[in-house]
Amino acid sequence: EEGSPVHGDVIEFHGPEGTGKTEMLYH
């Protein structure tokens, strides 16, 4: 959705190891 995230949002990155979650965090 456009305009996300907003204050108060809780976002979960879910997936197996090696699917780019930590790289996305560096980004």
PDB file of all heavy atoms in Angstrom:
ATOM      1  N   GLU A   1       0.832  -1.199   0.000  1.00  0.00           N
ATOM      2  CA  GLU A   1       0.000   0.000   0.000  1.00  0.00           C
ATOM      3  C   GLU A   1       0.869   1.251   0.000  1.00  0.00           C
ATOM      4  O   GLU A   1       1.861   1.331   0.732  1.00  0.00           O
ATOM      5  CB  GLU A   1      -0.925   0.002   1.215  1.00  0.00           C
ATOM      6  CG  GLU A   1      -1.931   1.138   1.204  1.00  0.00           C
ATOM      7  CD  GLU A   1      -3.114   0.823   2.097  1.00  0.00           C
ATOM      8  OE1 GLU A   1      -3.851  -0.134   1.793  1.00  0.00           O
ATOM      9  OE2 GLU A   1      -3.289   1.524   3.083  1.00  0.00           O
ATOM     10  N   GLU A   2       0.493   2.236  -0.801  1.00  0.00           N
ATOM     11  CA  GLU A   2       1.233   3.486  -0.880  1.00  0.00           C
ATOM     12  C   GLU A   2       1.194   4.201   0.466  1.00  0.00           C
ATOM     13  O   GLU A   2       0.191   4.198   1.167  1.00  0.00           O
ATOM     14  CB  GLU A   2       0.607   4.376  -1.960  1.00  0.00           C
ATOM     15  CG  GLU A   2       1.423   5.604  -2.304  1.00  0.00           C
ATOM     16  CD  GLU A   2       0.808   6.386  -3.453  1.00  0.00           C
ATOM     17  OE1 GLU A   2      -0.030   5.815  -4.175  1.00  0.00           O
ATOM     18  OE2 GLU A   2       1.171   7.558  -3.617  1.00  0.00           O
ATOM     19  N   GLY A   3       2.316   4.821   0.820  1.00  0.00           N
ATOM     20  CA  GLY A   3       2.370   5.579   2.064  1.00  0.00           C
ATOM     21  C   GLY A   3       2.810   4.781   3.281  1.00  0.00           C
ATOM     22  O   GLY A   3       2.802   5.294   4.399  1.00  0.00           O
ATOM     23  N   SER A   4       3.218   3.538   3.079  1.00  0.00           N
ATOM     24  CA  SER A   4       3.702   2.719   4.193  1.00  0.00           C
ATOM     25  C   SER A   4       5.230   2.716   4.195  1.00  0.00           C
ATOM     26  O   SER A   4       5.856   2.851   3.148  1.00  0.00           O
ATOM     27  CB  SER A   4       3.193   1.278   4.057  1.00  0.00           C
ATOM     28  OG  SER A   4       1.804   1.213   4.183  1.00  0.00           O
ATOM     29  N   PRO A   5       5.835   2.550   5.383  1.00  0.00           N
ATOM     30  CA  PRO A   5       5.198   2.365   6.688  1.00  0.00           C
ATOM     31  C   PRO A   5       4.906   3.692   7.378  1.00  0.00           C
ATOM     32  O   PRO A   5       5.498   4.714   7.045  1.00  0.00           O
ATOM     33  CB  PRO A   5       6.273   1.590   7.458  1.00  0.00           C
ATOM     34  CG  PRO A   5       7.567   2.135   6.917  1.00  0.00           C
ATOM     35  CD  PRO A   5       7.314   2.402   5.459  1.00  0.00           C
ATOM     36  N   VAL A   6       3.998   3.642   8.331  1.00  0.00           N
ATOM     37  CA  VAL A   6       3.689   4.808   9.156  1.00  0.00           C
ATOM     38  C   VAL A   6       4.068   4.482  10.595  1.00  0.00           C
ATOM     39  O   VAL A   6       4.284   3.321  10.950  1.00  0.00           O
ATOM     40  CB  VAL A   6       2.191   5.185   9.078  1.00  0.00           C
ATOM     41  CG1 VAL A   6       1.805   5.562   7.661  1.00  0.00           C
ATOM     42  CG2 VAL A   6       1.308   4.034   9.571  1.00  0.00           C
ATOM     43  N   HIS A   7       4.176   5.514  11.417  1.00  0.00           N
ATOM     44  CA  HIS A   7       4.500   5.306  12.826  1.00  0.00           C
ATOM     45  C   HIS A   7       3.520   4.316  13.451  1.00  0.00           C
ATOM     46  O   HIS A   7       2.305   4.422  13.263  1.00  0.00           O
ATOM     47  CB  HIS A   7       4.434   6.636  13.586  1.00  0.00           C
ATOM     48  CG  HIS A   7       5.456   7.632  13.134  1.00  0.00           C
ATOM     49  ND1 HIS A   7       5.218   8.980  13.073  1.00  0.00           N
ATOM     50  CD2 HIS A   7       6.738   7.474  12.703  1.00  0.00           C
ATOM     51  CE1 HIS A   7       6.284   9.608  12.629  1.00  0.00           C
ATOM     52  NE2 HIS A   7       7.222   8.714  12.400  1.00  0.00           N
ATOM     53  N   GLY A   8       4.054   3.345  14.171  1.00  0.00           N
ATOM     54  CA  GLY A   8       3.214   2.327  14.800  1.00  0.00           C
ATOM     55  C   GLY A   8       3.137   1.038  14.024  1.00  0.00           C
ATOM     56  O   GLY A   8       2.631   0.037  14.545  1.00  0.00           O
ATOM     57  N   ASP A   9       3.640   1.014  12.795  1.00  0.00           N
ATOM     58  CA  ASP A   9       3.605  -0.212  12.001  1.00  0.00           C
ATOM     59  C   ASP A   9       4.613  -1.235  12.520  1.00  0.00           C
ATOM     60  O   ASP A   9       5.721  -0.888  12.947  1.00  0.00           O
ATOM     61  CB  ASP A   9       3.899   0.083  10.526  1.00  0.00           C
ATOM     62  CG  ASP A   9       2.663   0.524   9.760  1.00  0.00           C
ATOM     63  OD1 ASP A   9       1.555   0.410  10.318  1.00  0.00           O
ATOM     64  OD2 ASP A   9       2.802   0.985   8.615  1.00  0.00           O
ATOM     65  N   VAL A  10       4.209  -2.494  12.452  1.00  0.00           N
ATOM     66  CA  VAL A  10       5.075  -3.615  12.824  1.00  0.00           C
ATOM     67  C   VAL A  10       5.158  -4.530  11.611  1.00  0.00           C
ATOM     68  O   VAL A  10       4.165  -5.099  11.172  1.00  0.00           O
ATOM     69  CB  VAL A  10       4.505  -4.377  14.034  1.00  0.00           C
ATOM     70  CG1 VAL A  10       5.372  -5.599  14.350  1.00  0.00           C
ATOM     71  CG2 VAL A  10       4.407  -3.459  15.248  1.00  0.00           C
ATOM     72  N   ILE A  11       6.356  -4.651  11.046  1.00  0.00           N
ATOM     73  CA  ILE A  11       6.548  -5.388   9.794  1.00  0.00           C
ATOM     74  C   ILE A  11       7.387  -6.629  10.070  1.00  0.00           C
ATOM     75  O   ILE A  11       8.482  -6.535  10.629  1.00  0.00           O
ATOM     76  CB  ILE A  11       7.241  -4.503   8.733  1.00  0.00           C
ATOM     77  CG1 ILE A  11       6.409  -3.252   8.452  1.00  0.00           C
ATOM     78  CG2 ILE A  11       7.469  -5.283   7.451  1.00  0.00           C
ATOM     79  CD1 ILE A  11       6.915  -2.003   9.125  1.00  0.00           C
ATOM     80  N   GLU A  12       6.863  -7.772   9.671  1.00  0.00           N
ATOM     81  CA  GLU A  12       7.591  -9.035   9.827  1.00  0.00           C
ATOM     82  C   GLU A  12       8.125  -9.491   8.479  1.00  0.00           C
ATOM     83  O   GLU A  12       7.374  -9.627   7.513  1.00  0.00           O
ATOM     84  CB  GLU A  12       6.675 -10.106  10.416  1.00  0.00           C
ATOM     85  CG  GLU A  12       7.371 -11.463  10.586  1.00  0.00           C
ATOM     86  CD  GLU A  12       6.447 -12.537  11.155  1.00  0.00           C
ATOM     87  OE1 GLU A  12       5.437 -12.186  11.806  1.00  0.00           O
ATOM     88  OE2 GLU A  12       6.739 -13.733  10.931  1.00  0.00           O
ATOM     89  N   PHE A  13       9.437  -9.722   8.401  1.00  0.00           N
ATOM     90  CA  PHE A  13      10.076 -10.360   7.248  1.00  0.00           C
ATOM     91  C   PHE A  13      10.134 -11.850   7.544  1.00  0.00           C
ATOM     92  O   PHE A  13      10.802 -12.261   8.498  1.00  0.00           O
ATOM     93  CB  PHE A  13      11.502  -9.844   7.053  1.00  0.00           C
ATOM     94  CG  PHE A  13      11.619  -8.473   6.456  1.00  0.00           C
ATOM     95  CD1 PHE A  13      10.510  -7.721   6.115  1.00  0.00           C
ATOM     96  CD2 PHE A  13      12.880  -7.924   6.224  1.00  0.00           C
ATOM     97  CE1 PHE A  13      10.630  -6.460   5.560  1.00  0.00           C
ATOM     98  CE2 PHE A  13      13.013  -6.665   5.672  1.00  0.00           C
ATOM     99  CZ  PHE A  13      11.892  -5.922   5.334  1.00  0.00           C
ATOM    100  N   HIS A  14       9.459 -12.658   6.737  1.00  0.00           N
ATOM    101  CA  HIS A  14       9.403 -14.094   7.008  1.00  0.00           C
ATOM    102  C   HIS A  14       9.905 -14.890   5.805  1.00  0.00           C
ATOM    103  O   HIS A  14       9.546 -14.596   4.659  1.00  0.00           O
ATOM    104  CB  HIS A  14       7.959 -14.519   7.326  1.00  0.00           C
ATOM    105  CG  HIS A  14       7.831 -15.960   7.699  1.00  0.00           C
ATOM    106  ND1 HIS A  14       8.093 -16.427   8.978  1.00  0.00           N
ATOM    107  CD2 HIS A  14       7.486 -17.050   6.971  1.00  0.00           C
ATOM    108  CE1 HIS A  14       7.906 -17.733   9.010  1.00  0.00           C
ATOM    109  NE2 HIS A  14       7.539 -18.146   7.803  1.00  0.00           N
ATOM    110  N   GLY A  15      10.723 -15.890   6.066  1.00  0.00           N
ATOM    111  CA  GLY A  15      11.194 -16.739   4.992  1.00  0.00           C
ATOM    112  C   GLY A  15      12.351 -17.610   5.431  1.00  0.00           C
ATOM    113  O   GLY A  15      12.927 -17.419   6.506  1.00  0.00           O
ATOM    114  N   PRO A  16      12.707 -18.587   4.602  1.00  0.00           N
ATOM    115  CA  PRO A  16      13.841 -19.459   4.920  1.00  0.00           C
ATOM    116  C   PRO A  16      15.149 -18.674   4.919  1.00  0.00           C
ATOM    117  O   PRO A  16      15.220 -17.545   4.418  1.00  0.00           O
ATOM    118  CB  PRO A  16      13.825 -20.499   3.790  1.00  0.00           C
ATOM    119  CG  PRO A  16      12.488 -20.357   3.129  1.00  0.00           C
ATOM    120  CD  PRO A  16      12.067 -18.951   3.320  1.00  0.00           C
ATOM    121  N   GLU A  17      16.173 -19.291   5.457  1.00  0.00           N
ATOM    122  CA  GLU A  17      17.500 -18.677   5.422  1.00  0.00           C
ATOM    123  C   GLU A  17      17.959 -18.564   3.968  1.00  0.00           C
ATOM    124  O   GLU A  17      17.678 -19.412   3.130  1.00  0.00           O
ATOM    125  CB  GLU A  17      18.488 -19.542   6.222  1.00  0.00           C
ATOM    126  CG  GLU A  17      19.841 -18.905   6.433  1.00  0.00           C
ATOM    127  CD  GLU A  17      20.729 -19.708   7.371  1.00  0.00           C
ATOM    128  OE1 GLU A  17      20.263 -20.739   7.904  1.00  0.00           O
ATOM    129  OE2 GLU A  17      21.885 -19.299   7.568  1.00  0.00           O
ATOM    130  N   GLY A  18      18.657 -17.469   3.657  1.00  0.00           N
ATOM    131  CA  GLY A  18      19.200 -17.286   2.314  1.00  0.00           C
ATOM    132  C   GLY A  18      18.221 -16.751   1.302  1.00  0.00           C
ATOM    133  O   GLY A  18      18.394 -16.955   0.099  1.00  0.00           O
ATOM    134  N   THR A  19      17.190 -16.037   1.775  1.00  0.00           N
ATOM    135  CA  THR A  19      16.195 -15.496   0.834  1.00  0.00           C
ATOM    136  C   THR A  19      16.230 -13.972   0.766  1.00  0.00           C
ATOM    137  O   THR A  19      15.306 -13.354   0.236  1.00  0.00           O
ATOM    138  CB  THR A  19      14.773 -15.965   1.212  1.00  0.00           C
ATOM    139  OG1 THR A  19      14.525 -15.696   2.600  1.00  0.00           O
ATOM    140  CG2 THR A  19      14.622 -17.454   0.950  1.00  0.00           C
ATOM    141  N   GLY A  20      17.278 -13.358   1.312  1.00  0.00           N
ATOM    142  CA  GLY A  20      17.472 -11.913   1.130  1.00  0.00           C
ATOM    143  C   GLY A  20      16.940 -11.033   2.245  1.00  0.00           C
ATOM    144  O   GLY A  20      16.933  -9.799   2.105  1.00  0.00           O
ATOM    145  N   LYS A  21      16.508 -11.612   3.362  1.00  0.00           N
ATOM    146  CA  LYS A  21      15.929 -10.800   4.448  1.00  0.00           C
ATOM    147  C   LYS A  21      16.953  -9.830   5.035  1.00  0.00           C
ATOM    148  O   LYS A  21      16.678  -8.638   5.201  1.00  0.00           O
ATOM    149  CB  LYS A  21      15.359 -11.702   5.545  1.00  0.00           C
ATOM    150  CG  LYS A  21      14.239 -12.630   5.098  1.00  0.00           C
ATOM    151  CD  LYS A  21      13.601 -13.361   6.261  1.00  0.00           C
ATOM    152  CE  LYS A  21      14.556 -14.247   7.040  1.00  0.00           C
ATOM    153  NZ  LYS A  21      15.096 -15.373   6.225  1.00  0.00           N
ATOM    154  N   THR A  22      18.143 -10.342   5.380  1.00  0.00           N
ATOM    155  CA  THR A  22      19.154  -9.484   5.995  1.00  0.00           C
ATOM    156  C   THR A  22      19.678  -8.458   4.995  1.00  0.00           C
ATOM    157  O   THR A  22      19.933  -7.306   5.362  1.00  0.00           O
ATOM    158  CB  THR A  22      20.313 -10.335   6.559  1.00  0.00           C
ATOM    159  OG1 THR A  22      19.790 -11.244   7.544  1.00  0.00           O
ATOM    160  CG2 THR A  22      21.356  -9.452   7.215  1.00  0.00           C
ATOM    161  N   GLU A  23      19.824  -8.834   3.729  1.00  0.00           N
ATOM    162  CA  GLU A  23      20.244  -7.864   2.712  1.00  0.00           C
ATOM    163  C   GLU A  23      19.225  -6.730   2.595  1.00  0.00           C
ATOM    164  O   GLU A  23      19.581  -5.569   2.404  1.00  0.00           O
ATOM    165  CB  GLU A  23      20.419  -8.549   1.352  1.00  0.00           C
ATOM    166  CG  GLU A  23      21.717  -9.292   1.192  1.00  0.00           C
ATOM    167  CD  GLU A  23      22.928  -8.379   1.056  1.00  0.00           C
ATOM    168  OE1 GLU A  23      22.755  -7.186   0.729  1.00  0.00           O
ATOM    169  OE2 GLU A  23      24.056  -8.858   1.276  1.00  0.00           O
ATOM    170  N   MET A  24      17.948  -7.076   2.709  1.00  0.00           N
ATOM    171  CA  MET A  24      16.914  -6.044   2.661  1.00  0.00           C
ATOM    172  C   MET A  24      17.045  -5.113   3.864  1.00  0.00           C
ATOM    173  O   MET A  24      16.824  -3.895   3.745  1.00  0.00           O
ATOM    174  CB  MET A  24      15.524  -6.683   2.620  1.00  0.00           C
ATOM    175  CG  MET A  24      14.386  -5.685   2.404  1.00  0.00           C
ATOM    176  SD  MET A  24      14.461  -4.823   0.812  1.00  0.00           S
ATOM    177  CE  MET A  24      14.001  -6.169  -0.306  1.00  0.00           C
ATOM    178  N   LEU A  25      17.419  -5.658   5.013  1.00  0.00           N
ATOM    179  CA  LEU A  25      17.625  -4.813   6.187  1.00  0.00           C
ATOM    180  C   LEU A  25      18.785  -3.846   5.966  1.00  0.00           C
ATOM    181  O   LEU A  25      18.697  -2.665   6.335  1.00  0.00           O
ATOM    182  CB  LEU A  25      17.885  -5.673   7.428  1.00  0.00           C
ATOM    183  CG  LEU A  25      16.712  -6.527   7.918  1.00  0.00           C
ATOM    184  CD1 LEU A  25      17.121  -7.329   9.148  1.00  0.00           C
ATOM    185  CD2 LEU A  25      15.493  -5.675   8.222  1.00  0.00           C
ATOM    186  N   TYR A  26      19.890  -4.312   5.369  1.00  0.00           N
ATOM    187  CA  TYR A  26      20.999  -3.403   5.046  1.00  0.00           C
ATOM    188  C   TYR A  26      20.520  -2.291   4.117  1.00  0.00           C
ATOM    189  O   TYR A  26      20.914  -1.125   4.256  1.00  0.00           O
ATOM    190  CB  TYR A  26      22.159  -4.160   4.391  1.00  0.00           C
ATOM    191  CG  TYR A  26      22.832  -5.193   5.262  1.00  0.00           C
ATOM    192  CD1 TYR A  26      23.321  -6.378   4.719  1.00  0.00           C
ATOM    193  CD2 TYR A  26      22.972  -4.994   6.622  1.00  0.00           C
ATOM    194  CE1 TYR A  26      23.939  -7.332   5.511  1.00  0.00           C
ATOM    195  CE2 TYR A  26      23.583  -5.941   7.433  1.00  0.00           C
ATOM    196  CZ  TYR A  26      24.067  -7.110   6.868  1.00  0.00           C
ATOM    197  OH  TYR A  26      24.672  -8.058   7.659  1.00  0.00           O
ATOM    198  N   HIS A  27      19.689  -2.646   3.165  1.00  0.00           N
ATOM    199  CA  HIS A  27      19.126  -1.686   2.220  1.00  0.00           C
ATOM    200  C   HIS A  27      18.330  -0.611   2.958  1.00  0.00           C
ATOM    201  O   HIS A  27      18.488   0.595   2.704  1.00  0.00           O
ATOM    202  CB  HIS A  27      18.229  -2.429   1.225  1.00  0.00           C
ATOM    203  CG  HIS A  27      17.440  -1.565   0.303  1.00  0.00           C
ATOM    204  ND1 HIS A  27      18.013  -0.800  -0.696  1.00  0.00           N
ATOM    205  CD2 HIS A  27      16.100  -1.329   0.232  1.00  0.00           C
ATOM    206  CE1 HIS A  27      17.064  -0.135  -1.347  1.00  0.00           C
ATOM    207  NE2 HIS A  27      15.900  -0.439  -0.799  1.00  0.00           N
TER     208      HIS A  27
END
